[in-house]
PDB file of N, CA and C in Angstrom:
ATOM      1  N   MET A   1      15.041  77.203 -30.650  1.00  0.00           N
ATOM      2  CA  MET A   1      14.709  78.508 -29.946  1.00  0.00           C
ATOM      3  C   MET A   1      15.239  79.721 -30.740  1.00  0.00           C
ATOM      4  N   ASN A   2      14.418  80.535 -31.375  1.00  0.00           N
ATOM      5  CA  ASN A   2      14.863  81.553 -31.998  1.00  0.00           C
ATOM      6  C   ASN A   2      14.697  83.064 -31.181  1.00  0.00           C
ATOM      7  N   THR A   3      15.719  83.444 -30.795  1.00  0.00           N
ATOM      8  CA  THR A   3      15.804  84.409 -29.868  1.00  0.00           C
ATOM      9  C   THR A   3      16.401  85.741 -30.713  1.00  0.00           C
ATOM     10  N   ARG A   4      15.828  86.938 -30.507  1.00  0.00           N
ATOM     11  CA  ARG A   4      16.339  87.961 -31.484  1.00  0.00           C
ATOM     12  C   ARG A   4      16.664  89.118 -30.372  1.00  0.00           C
ATOM     13  N   GLY A   5      17.594  90.166 -30.818  1.00  0.00           N
ATOM     14  CA  GLY A   5      17.468  91.119 -30.206  1.00  0.00           C
ATOM     15  C   GLY A   5      19.116  91.545 -29.521  1.00  0.00           C
ATOM     16  N   PHE A   6      19.520  92.248 -28.662  1.00  0.00           N
ATOM     17  CA  PHE A   6      20.766  92.613 -28.077  1.00  0.00           C
ATOM     18  C   PHE A   6      20.775  92.144 -26.581  1.00  0.00           C
ATOM     19  N   THR A   7      21.950  91.642 -26.021  1.00  0.00           N
ATOM     20  CA  THR A   7      22.363  91.684 -24.631  1.00  0.00           C
ATOM     21  C   THR A   7      22.582  92.995 -24.004  1.00  0.00           C
ATOM     22  N   LEU A   8      22.345  93.271 -23.141  1.00  0.00           N
ATOM     23  CA  LEU A   8      23.159  94.237 -22.468  1.00  0.00           C
ATOM     24  C   LEU A   8      24.952  94.629 -22.462  1.00  0.00           C
ATOM     25  N   ALA A   9      25.508  93.548 -22.415  1.00  0.00           N
ATOM     26  CA  ALA A   9      26.791  93.822 -22.756  1.00  0.00           C
ATOM     27  C   ALA A   9      26.971  94.367 -24.319  1.00  0.00           C
ATOM     28  N   GLU A  10      26.255  93.680 -25.252  1.00  0.00           N
ATOM     29  CA  GLU A  10      26.638  94.385 -26.746  1.00  0.00           C
ATOM     30  C   GLU A  10      26.470  95.555 -26.870  1.00  0.00           C
ATOM     31  N   LEU A  11      25.154  96.193 -26.125  1.00  0.00           N
ATOM     32  CA  LEU A  11      24.775  97.353 -26.171  1.00  0.00           C
ATOM     33  C   LEU A  11      25.896  98.344 -25.664  1.00  0.00           C
ATOM     34  N   VAL A  12      26.266  97.873 -24.451  1.00  0.00           N
ATOM     35  CA  VAL A  12      27.418  98.721 -23.593  1.00  0.00           C
ATOM     36  C   VAL A  12      28.604  98.863 -24.621  1.00  0.00           C
ATOM     37  N   VAL A  13      29.132  97.592 -25.083  1.00  0.00           N
ATOM     38  CA  VAL A  13      30.513  97.944 -25.888  1.00  0.00           C
ATOM     39  C   VAL A  13      30.211  98.519 -27.295  1.00  0.00           C
ATOM     40  N   VAL A  14      29.204  98.711 -27.668  1.00  0.00           N
ATOM     41  CA  VAL A  14      28.593  99.421 -28.909  1.00  0.00           C
ATOM     42  C   VAL A  14      28.553 101.164 -28.308  1.00  0.00           C
ATOM     43  N   LEU A  15      27.808 101.461 -27.433  1.00  0.00           N
ATOM     44  CA  LEU A  15      28.128 102.629 -27.029  1.00  0.00           C
ATOM     45  C   LEU A  15      29.304 103.244 -26.638  1.00  0.00           C
ATOM     46  N   ALA A  16      30.158 102.402 -25.911  1.00  0.00           N
ATOM     47  CA  ALA A  16      31.561 102.659 -25.473  1.00  0.00           C
ATOM     48  C   ALA A  16      32.322 103.176 -26.691  1.00  0.00           C
ATOM     49  N   VAL A  17      32.240 102.149 -27.709  1.00  0.00           N
ATOM     50  CA  VAL A  17      32.910 102.609 -28.992  1.00  0.00           C
ATOM     51  C   VAL A  17      32.643 103.649 -29.839  1.00  0.00           C
ATOM     52  N   LEU A  18      31.114 104.109 -29.788  1.00  0.00           N
ATOM     53  CA  LEU A  18      30.452 104.957 -30.286  1.00  0.00           C
ATOM     54  C   LEU A  18      31.059 106.307 -29.516  1.00  0.00           C
ATOM     55  N   GLY A  19      31.404 106.357 -27.929  1.00  0.00           N
ATOM     56  CA  GLY A  19      31.358 107.586 -27.518  1.00  0.00           C
ATOM     57  C   GLY A  19      32.790 107.589 -27.576  1.00  0.00           C
ATOM     58  N   LEU A  20      33.945 106.689 -27.761  1.00  0.00           N
ATOM     59  CA  LEU A  20      35.491 106.715 -28.220  1.00  0.00           C
ATOM     60  C   LEU A  20      35.406 107.671 -29.659  1.00  0.00           C
ATOM     61  N   VAL A  21      34.786 106.933 -30.590  1.00  0.00           N
ATOM     62  CA  VAL A  21      34.859 107.691 -31.854  1.00  0.00           C
ATOM     63  C   VAL A  21      34.439 109.518 -31.656  1.00  0.00           C
ATOM     64  N   LEU A  22      33.273 109.436 -31.234  1.00  0.00           N
ATOM     65  CA  LEU A  22      32.874 111.134 -31.039  1.00  0.00           C
ATOM     66  C   LEU A  22      33.811 111.782 -30.377  1.00  0.00           C
ATOM     67  N   ALA A  23      34.355 111.158 -29.569  1.00  0.00           N
ATOM     68  CA  ALA A  23      35.386 112.073 -28.303  1.00  0.00           C
ATOM     69  C   ALA A  23      36.670 112.159 -29.414  1.00  0.00           C
ATOM     70  N   VAL A  24      37.174 111.091 -30.073  1.00  0.00           N
ATOM     71  CA  VAL A  24      38.716 111.726 -30.852  1.00  0.00           C
ATOM     72  C   VAL A  24      38.050 112.799 -31.841  1.00  0.00           C
ATOM     73  N   SER A  25      36.845 112.472 -32.697  1.00  0.00           N
ATOM     74  CA  SER A  25      36.824 113.372 -33.898  1.00  0.00           C
ATOM     75  C   SER A  25      36.270 114.535 -33.196  1.00  0.00           C
ATOM     76  N   GLY A  26      35.604 114.707 -31.826  1.00  0.00           N
ATOM     77  CA  GLY A  26      35.348 116.003 -31.645  1.00  0.00           C
ATOM     78  C   GLY A  26      36.833 116.855 -31.247  1.00  0.00           C
ATOM     79  N   LEU A  27      37.522 116.045 -30.311  1.00  0.00           N
ATOM     80  CA  LEU A  27      38.797 116.746 -30.333  1.00  0.00           C
ATOM     81  C   LEU A  27      39.700 117.115 -31.374  1.00  0.00           C
ATOM     82  N   ALA A  28      39.611 116.562 -32.584  1.00  0.00           N
ATOM     83  CA  ALA A  28      40.089 116.821 -33.908  1.00  0.00           C
ATOM     84  C   ALA A  28      39.417 118.080 -34.431  1.00  0.00           C
ATOM     85  N   LEU A  29      38.096 117.996 -34.306  1.00  0.00           N
ATOM     86  CA  LEU A  29      37.323 119.071 -35.043  1.00  0.00           C
ATOM     87  C   LEU A  29      37.932 120.155 -34.199  1.00  0.00           C
ATOM     88  N   GLY A  30      37.866 120.473 -32.777  1.00  0.00           N
ATOM     89  CA  GLY A  30      38.072 121.532 -31.820  1.00  0.00           C
ATOM     90  C   GLY A  30      39.649 121.979 -32.343  1.00  0.00           C
ATOM     91  N   ALA A  31      40.324 121.247 -32.685  1.00  0.00           N
ATOM     92  CA  ALA A  31      41.805 121.901 -32.931  1.00  0.00           C
ATOM     93  C   ALA A  31      42.016 122.609 -34.032  1.00  0.00           C
ATOM     94  N   LEU A  32      41.192 122.217 -34.977  1.00  0.00           N
ATOM     95  CA  LEU A  32      41.111 122.956 -36.257  1.00  0.00           C
ATOM     96  C   LEU A  32      40.889 124.757 -36.151  1.00  0.00           C
ATOM     97  N   LYS A  33      41.720 125.516 -36.826  1.00  0.00           N
ATOM     98  CA  LYS A  33      41.575 126.805 -36.736  1.00  0.00           C
ATOM     99  C   LYS A  33      41.477 127.340 -37.959  1.00  0.00           C
ATOM    100  N   VAL A  34      40.873 128.606 -38.247  1.00  0.00           N
ATOM    101  CA  VAL A  34      40.933 129.160 -39.495  1.00  0.00           C
ATOM    102  C   VAL A  34      41.937 129.840 -39.883  1.00  0.00           C
ATOM    103  N   PRO A  35      42.819 129.689 -40.771  1.00  0.00           N
ATOM    104  CA  PRO A  35      44.085 130.265 -40.775  1.00  0.00           C
ATOM    105  C   PRO A  35      43.813 132.138 -41.051  1.00  0.00           C
ATOM    106  N   ARG A  36      44.649 132.776 -40.528  1.00  0.00           N
ATOM    107  CA  ARG A  36      44.561 133.963 -40.705  1.00  0.00           C
ATOM    108  C   ARG A  36      44.888 134.471 -41.956  1.00  0.00           C
ATOM    109  N   GLU A  37      44.385 135.601 -42.306  1.00  0.00           N
ATOM    110  CA  GLU A  37      44.480 136.311 -43.800  1.00  0.00           C
ATOM    111  C   GLU A  37      45.576 137.176 -43.410  1.00  0.00           C
ATOM    112  N   SER A  38      46.783 137.334 -44.338  1.00  0.00           N
ATOM    113  CA  SER A  38      47.707 137.913 -44.558  1.00  0.00           C
ATOM    114  C   SER A  38      47.177 139.568 -44.615  1.00  0.00           C
ATOM    115  N   GLU A  39      48.172 140.346 -44.268  1.00  0.00           N
ATOM    116  CA  GLU A  39      48.023 141.741 -44.201  1.00  0.00           C
ATOM    117  C   GLU A  39      47.423 141.841 -45.828  1.00  0.00           C
ATOM    118  N   GLU A  40      48.291 141.600 -46.855  1.00  0.00           N
ATOM    119  CA  GLU A  40      48.286 141.889 -48.123  1.00  0.00           C
ATOM    120  C   GLU A  40      46.752 141.412 -48.314  1.00  0.00           C
ATOM    121  N   THR A  41      46.137 140.217 -48.340  1.00  0.00           N
ATOM    122  CA  THR A  41      44.820 139.966 -48.608  1.00  0.00           C
ATOM    123  C   THR A  41      43.947 140.670 -48.216  1.00  0.00           C
ATOM    124  N   ILE A  42      44.036 141.315 -46.520  1.00  0.00           N
ATOM    125  CA  ILE A  42      43.045 141.986 -46.238  1.00  0.00           C
ATOM    126  C   ILE A  42      42.997 143.277 -46.929  1.00  0.00           C
ATOM    127  N   ALA A  43      44.213 143.973 -46.982  1.00  0.00           N
ATOM    128  CA  ALA A  43      44.299 145.102 -47.862  1.00  0.00           C
ATOM    129  C   ALA A  43      43.582 145.049 -49.441  1.00  0.00           C
ATOM    130  N   ILE A  44      43.790 143.874 -50.027  1.00  0.00           N
ATOM    131  CA  ILE A  44      43.075 143.679 -51.340  1.00  0.00           C
ATOM    132  C   ILE A  44      41.638 143.599 -51.201  1.00  0.00           C
ATOM    133  N   ARG A  45      41.166 142.998 -50.295  1.00  0.00           N
ATOM    134  CA  ARG A  45      39.664 142.670 -50.200  1.00  0.00           C
ATOM    135  C   ARG A  45      39.254 143.895 -49.916  1.00  0.00           C
ATOM    136  N   ARG A  46      39.771 144.741 -48.852  1.00  0.00           N
ATOM    137  CA  ARG A  46      39.419 146.314 -48.488  1.00  0.00           C
ATOM    138  C   ARG A  46      39.260 147.268 -49.661  1.00  0.00           C
ATOM    139  N   ALA A  47      40.439 147.464 -50.573  1.00  0.00           N
ATOM    140  CA  ALA A  47      40.460 147.939 -51.859  1.00  0.00           C
ATOM    141  C   ALA A  47      39.370 147.676 -52.701  1.00  0.00           C
ATOM    142  N   ARG A  48      39.191 146.333 -52.823  1.00  0.00           N
ATOM    143  CA  ARG A  48      38.250 145.931 -53.802  1.00  0.00           C
ATOM    144  C   ARG A  48      36.809 146.496 -53.441  1.00  0.00           C
ATOM    145  N   ALA A  49      36.364 146.197 -52.176  1.00  0.00           N
ATOM    146  CA  ALA A  49      35.260 146.540 -51.415  1.00  0.00           C
ATOM    147  C   ALA A  49      34.870 147.961 -51.704  1.00  0.00           C
ATOM    148  N   GLU A  50      35.853 148.941 -51.332  1.00  0.00           N
ATOM    149  CA  GLU A  50      35.972 150.473 -51.745  1.00  0.00           C
ATOM    150  C   GLU A  50      35.529 150.610 -53.181  1.00  0.00           C
ATOM    151  N   VAL A  51      36.122 150.117 -54.003  1.00  0.00           N
ATOM    152  CA  VAL A  51      35.986 150.130 -55.439  1.00  0.00           C
ATOM    153  C   VAL A  51      34.329 149.738 -56.202  1.00  0.00           C
ATOM    154  N   ILE A  52      34.182 148.818 -55.482  1.00  0.00           N
ATOM    155  CA  ILE A  52      32.625 148.280 -55.491  1.00  0.00           C
ATOM    156  C   ILE A  52      31.812 149.413 -55.323  1.00  0.00           C
ATOM    157  N   HIS A  53      32.142 149.987 -53.919  1.00  0.00           N
ATOM    158  CA  HIS A  53      31.121 150.853 -53.269  1.00  0.00           C
ATOM    159  C   HIS A  53      30.918 152.057 -53.795  1.00  0.00           C
ATOM    160  N   SER A  54      32.440 152.510 -54.541  1.00  0.00           N
ATOM    161  CA  SER A  54      32.338 153.721 -55.265  1.00  0.00           C
ATOM    162  C   SER A  54      31.917 153.876 -56.714  1.00  0.00           C
ATOM    163  N   GLY A  55      32.050 152.762 -57.404  1.00  0.00           N
ATOM    164  CA  GLY A  55      31.842 152.560 -58.725  1.00  0.00           C
ATOM    165  C   GLY A  55      32.743 152.980 -59.650  1.00  0.00           C
ATOM    166  N   THR A  56      33.900 153.709 -59.106  1.00  0.00           N
ATOM    167  CA  THR A  56      35.255 154.057 -59.774  1.00  0.00           C
ATOM    168  C   THR A  56      36.434 153.241 -59.801  1.00  0.00           C
ATOM    169  N   ALA A  57      36.868 152.906 -60.798  1.00  0.00           N
ATOM    170  CA  ALA A  57      38.237 151.989 -61.192  1.00  0.00           C
ATOM    171  C   ALA A  57      39.160 152.683 -60.518  1.00  0.00           C
ATOM    172  N   ARG A  58      40.218 151.737 -59.754  1.00  0.00           N
ATOM    173  CA  ARG A  58      41.582 152.188 -59.160  1.00  0.00           C
ATOM    174  C   ARG A  58      42.453 151.257 -59.432  1.00  0.00           C
ATOM    175  N   THR A  59      43.630 151.849 -59.392  1.00  0.00           N
ATOM    176  CA  THR A  59      44.701 150.828 -59.665  1.00  0.00           C
ATOM    177  C   THR A  59      45.448 151.564 -58.084  1.00  0.00           C
ATOM    178  N   LYS A  60      45.962 150.056 -57.425  1.00  0.00           N
ATOM    179  CA  LYS A  60      46.708 150.472 -56.157  1.00  0.00           C
ATOM    180  C   LYS A  60      47.678 149.290 -56.128  1.00  0.00           C
ATOM    181  N   GLY A  61      48.775 149.382 -55.898  1.00  0.00           N
ATOM    182  CA  GLY A  61      49.941 148.701 -55.599  1.00  0.00           C
ATOM    183  C   GLY A  61      50.319 147.710 -57.440  1.00  0.00           C
ATOM    184  N   GLY A  62      49.731 148.875 -58.341  1.00  0.00           N
ATOM    185  CA  GLY A  62      50.044 147.381 -59.587  1.00  0.00           C
ATOM    186  C   GLY A  62      48.989 146.396 -59.920  1.00  0.00           C
ATOM    187  N   VAL A  63      47.803 146.742 -59.343  1.00  0.00           N
ATOM    188  CA  VAL A  63      46.644 145.880 -59.269  1.00  0.00           C
ATOM    189  C   VAL A  63      45.503 146.948 -59.487  1.00  0.00           C
ATOM    190  N   ARG A  64      44.809 146.684 -60.630  1.00  0.00           N
ATOM    191  CA  ARG A  64      43.425 147.387 -60.964  1.00  0.00           C
ATOM    192  C   ARG A  64      42.254 146.819 -60.679  1.00  0.00           C
ATOM    193  N   PHE A  65      41.610 147.284 -59.985  1.00  0.00           N
ATOM    194  CA  PHE A  65      40.224 147.038 -58.983  1.00  0.00           C
ATOM    195  C   PHE A  65      39.040 147.783 -60.196  1.00  0.00           C
ATOM    196  N   LEU A  66      38.138 146.976 -60.562  1.00  0.00           N
ATOM    197  CA  LEU A  66      37.159 147.172 -61.199  1.00  0.00           C
ATOM    198  C   LEU A  66      36.039 147.562 -60.532  1.00  0.00           C
ATOM    199  N   PRO A  67      34.783 148.325 -60.777  1.00  0.00           N
ATOM    200  CA  PRO A  67      33.825 148.274 -60.155  1.00  0.00           C
ATOM    201  C   PRO A  67      32.717 147.199 -60.435  1.00  0.00           C
ATOM    202  N   ASP A  68      33.156 146.593 -61.160  1.00  0.00           N
ATOM    203  CA  ASP A  68      32.188 145.089 -61.297  1.00  0.00           C
ATOM    204  C   ASP A  68      32.686 144.051 -60.084  1.00  0.00           C
ATOM    205  N   GLY A  69      33.652 144.031 -59.363  1.00  0.00           N
ATOM    206  CA  GLY A  69      34.325 143.589 -58.607  1.00  0.00           C
ATOM    207  C   GLY A  69      35.568 142.513 -59.155  1.00  0.00           C
ATOM    208  N   ARG A  70      35.563 142.887 -60.309  1.00  0.00           N
ATOM    209  CA  ARG A  70      36.931 142.126 -60.898  1.00  0.00           C
ATOM    210  C   ARG A  70      37.994 142.851 -60.570  1.00  0.00           C
ATOM    211  N   VAL A  71      39.506 141.851 -60.406  1.00  0.00           N
ATOM    212  CA  VAL A  71      40.691 142.576 -59.831  1.00  0.00           C
ATOM    213  C   VAL A  71      41.597 141.909 -61.295  1.00  0.00           C
ATOM    214  N   ILE A  72      42.460 142.992 -61.902  1.00  0.00           N
ATOM    215  CA  ILE A  72      43.427 142.719 -62.779  1.00  0.00           C
ATOM    216  C   ILE A  72      44.966 143.172 -62.227  1.00  0.00           C
ATOM    217  N   GLY A  73      45.614 141.985 -62.410  1.00  0.00           N
ATOM    218  CA  GLY A  73      46.804 142.195 -62.076  1.00  0.00           C
ATOM    219  C   GLY A  73      47.975 141.044 -61.548  1.00  0.00           C
ATOM    220  N   PRO A  74      48.864 141.011 -61.739  1.00  0.00           N
ATOM    221  CA  PRO A  74      49.623 139.903 -61.439  1.00  0.00           C
ATOM    222  C   PRO A  74      49.391 139.213 -60.026  1.00  0.00           C
ATOM    223  N   ASP A  75      49.742 137.968 -59.895  1.00  0.00           N
ATOM    224  CA  ASP A  75      49.332 137.168 -58.781  1.00  0.00           C
ATOM    225  C   ASP A  75      48.269 137.287 -58.127  1.00  0.00           C
ATOM    226  N   VAL A  76      47.254 137.640 -58.561  1.00  0.00           N
ATOM    227  CA  VAL A  76      45.710 137.956 -58.282  1.00  0.00           C
ATOM    228  C   VAL A  76      44.733 137.213 -59.158  1.00  0.00           C
ATOM    229  N   ASP A  77      43.652 136.332 -58.228  1.00  0.00           N
ATOM    230  CA  ASP A  77      42.768 135.655 -58.918  1.00  0.00           C
ATOM    231  C   ASP A  77      41.659 136.981 -59.400  1.00  0.00           C
ATOM    232  N   PRO A  78      41.315 136.541 -60.832  1.00  0.00           N
ATOM    233  CA  PRO A  78      40.883 137.896 -61.461  1.00  0.00           C
ATOM    234  C   PRO A  78      39.267 138.020 -60.866  1.00  0.00           C
ATOM    235  N   LEU A  79      38.636 136.644 -60.149  1.00  0.00           N
ATOM    236  CA  LEU A  79      37.146 136.599 -59.759  1.00  0.00           C
ATOM    237  C   LEU A  79      37.145 137.070 -58.156  1.00  0.00           C
ATOM    238  N   THR A  80      37.783 136.606 -57.688  1.00  0.00           N
ATOM    239  CA  THR A  80      37.741 136.727 -56.024  1.00  0.00           C
ATOM    240  C   THR A  80      38.895 137.914 -55.344  1.00  0.00           C
ATOM    241  N   GLY A  81      39.661 138.115 -56.237  1.00  0.00           N
ATOM    242  CA  GLY A  81      40.728 139.347 -55.688  1.00  0.00           C
ATOM    243  C   GLY A  81      41.677 138.862 -54.852  1.00  0.00           C
ATOM    244  N   VAL A  82      41.791 137.549 -54.679  1.00  0.00           N
ATOM    245  CA  VAL A  82      42.564 136.983 -53.406  1.00  0.00           C
ATOM    246  C   VAL A  82      43.892 136.780 -53.990  1.00  0.00           C
ATOM    247  N   PRO A  83      45.084 137.157 -53.339  1.00  0.00           N
ATOM    248  CA  PRO A  83      46.393 136.711 -53.952  1.00  0.00           C
ATOM    249  C   PRO A  83      46.659 135.471 -53.908  1.00  0.00           C
ATOM    250  N   LEU A  84      47.158 134.989 -55.347  1.00  0.00           N
ATOM    251  CA  LEU A  84      47.652 133.605 -55.743  1.00  0.00           C
ATOM    252  C   LEU A  84      48.766 133.355 -54.930  1.00  0.00           C
ATOM    253  N   ALA A  85      48.823 131.842 -54.704  1.00  0.00           N
ATOM    254  CA  ALA A  85      49.924 131.257 -53.743  1.00  0.00           C
ATOM    255  C   ALA A  85      51.148 131.388 -54.686  1.00  0.00           C
ATOM    256  N   LYS A  86      51.939 131.755 -53.856  1.00  0.00           N
ATOM    257  CA  LYS A  86      53.366 131.984 -54.776  1.00  0.00           C
ATOM    258  C   LYS A  86      54.266 130.971 -54.668  1.00  0.00           C
TER     259      LYS A  86
END
C-alpha cells in the first residue's frame, strides 16, 4: 500500500518549529537599533548640504567642502563626507 501525505502530528510539529524560529528571529530583529550619529557627523552633513545648496566652497574646522559634494580634509571620507573611524 502506497500512502502519501502528512499526518496531522507531523504538520503540527513543523508549524511549531517554524513558529519558534520566527518568534526568536522577530525578537532579535526587534532588538536592533540604528546607531545614533555623533554631533560631529551631523555637523559635517549639515555643512556639506549647505555648501551644495549655496554652490560656494567653504572651509569649516579644517575640512574643505566643495559645491559638488566632495569633502577634503583629514579623517573624512572624500565622497560621503562622513568622519572616518579613529
